[in-house]
Protein backbone atom coordinates (compact mmCIF):
# COMPACT_ATOMS: atom_id res chain seq x y z
CA MET A 1 54.25 82.41 125.19
CA LEU A 2 53.48 78.56 124.76
CA GLN A 3 56.07 76.20 122.78
CA ALA A 4 56.13 73.03 121.44
CA THR A 5 58.52 70.80 119.67
CA GLY A 6 57.73 68.08 117.14
CA THR A 7 59.81 65.57 115.60
CA PHE A 8 59.47 63.17 112.74
CA SER A 9 62.19 60.76 112.06
CA THR A 10 62.38 60.35 108.31
CA PRO A 11 65.47 60.14 105.60
CA SER A 12 63.43 62.78 103.71
CA ALA A 13 63.19 65.55 106.20
CA SER A 14 64.97 68.15 104.23
CA LYS A 15 62.61 67.42 101.36
CA TYR A 16 59.55 67.90 103.60
CA LEU A 17 60.82 70.83 105.14
CA VAL A 18 61.38 72.78 101.58
CA GLN A 19 57.87 71.44 100.44
CA MET A 20 55.86 72.77 103.59
CA CYS A 21 57.93 76.05 103.34
CA LYS A 22 57.20 76.43 99.58
CA HIS A 23 53.50 75.54 100.35
CA PHE A 24 53.09 77.96 103.18
CA ALA A 25 55.03 80.57 101.27
CA HIS A 26 51.84 81.29 99.20
CA LYS A 27 50.03 82.75 102.23
CA ILE A 28 52.52 83.77 104.70
CA GLU A 29 55.89 85.07 105.28
CA VAL A 30 58.64 82.25 104.96
CA THR A 31 62.47 81.94 104.64
CA TYR A 32 64.11 78.52 104.31
CA ASN A 33 66.99 76.49 102.83
CA ASP A 34 67.48 72.93 102.60
CA THR A 35 68.00 72.59 106.38
CA SER A 36 66.18 75.40 108.27
CA GLY A 37 62.78 77.22 107.85
CA SER A 38 60.76 79.99 109.64
CA CYS A 39 57.17 80.45 109.03
CA ALA A 40 55.19 83.76 110.38
CA PHE A 41 51.72 82.29 111.17
CA PRO A 42 49.31 84.96 112.11
CA MET A 43 48.95 83.05 115.51
CA GLY A 44 52.90 82.74 116.08
CA THR A 45 55.98 81.30 114.57
CA VAL A 46 57.40 77.96 113.44
CA SER A 47 61.02 77.01 112.88
CA MET A 48 61.96 73.81 111.32
CA GLN A 49 65.26 72.08 111.25
CA ALA A 50 66.37 69.11 109.07
CA ASP A 51 69.09 66.89 109.17
CA ALA A 52 69.79 63.38 107.52
CA GLU A 53 67.50 61.49 109.73
CA THR A 54 64.88 63.96 111.55
CA LEU A 55 62.84 66.89 110.74
CA GLU A 56 62.33 69.13 114.08
CA VAL A 57 59.50 71.86 114.42
CA LYS A 58 59.48 74.42 117.06
CA ILE A 59 56.30 76.28 117.45
CA GLU A 60 55.92 79.46 119.63
CA VAL A 61 52.22 80.95 119.98
CA SER A 62 50.44 83.03 122.47
CA ASP A 63 47.83 80.84 123.68
CA ALA A 64 46.67 76.99 124.07
CA GLU A 65 44.21 77.18 121.16
CA ALA A 66 46.58 78.64 118.73
CA LEU A 67 49.19 76.00 119.70
CA GLN A 68 46.60 72.97 118.94
CA GLN A 69 45.73 74.94 115.72
CA VAL A 70 49.22 75.28 114.63
CA LYS A 71 50.05 71.60 115.59
CA HIS A 72 47.31 70.55 113.42
CA VAL A 73 48.29 72.46 110.52
CA ILE A 74 51.72 70.90 110.48
CA ASP A 75 50.27 67.49 110.89
CA VAL A 76 48.20 67.88 108.20
CA HIS A 77 50.53 69.09 105.82
CA LEU A 78 53.07 66.67 106.79
CA GLU A 79 50.44 63.62 106.32
CA ARG A 80 49.70 64.79 102.86
CA PHE A 81 53.27 65.23 102.10
CA ALA A 82 54.86 62.19 103.71
CA PHE A 83 52.04 59.55 102.82
CA ARG A 84 54.43 57.00 101.28
CA GLU A 85 55.74 56.80 105.04
CA ASP A 86 52.37 56.67 106.69
CA PHE A 87 52.90 59.69 108.46
CA LYS A 88 50.16 60.48 111.04
CA ASN A 89 51.42 63.08 113.39
CA MET A 90 54.36 64.54 114.84
CA LEU A 91 55.56 63.33 118.11
CA TRP A 92 54.85 66.62 120.14
CA SER A 93 56.49 67.66 123.45
CA ALA A 94 55.93 70.84 125.33
């Protein structure tokens, strides 16, 4: 399994976590509350944690192509939801 962790420093971390989870729940299995969420994508899992200052996203998938795909999905959706903050992409680490 391949893993990556992304962080986004924002005072709206909980808002974005809930917004993404609600959005993804239309197509995949999702569980969430104000501070944590879990999304079962077909290619792997995404877990999210939010505190007062940071949104952290952890991805676990089976291959490198899926890892890039899920990173892209997260970044594109956050870019849409966090446009007021001029968000472009998470700070990803392996």
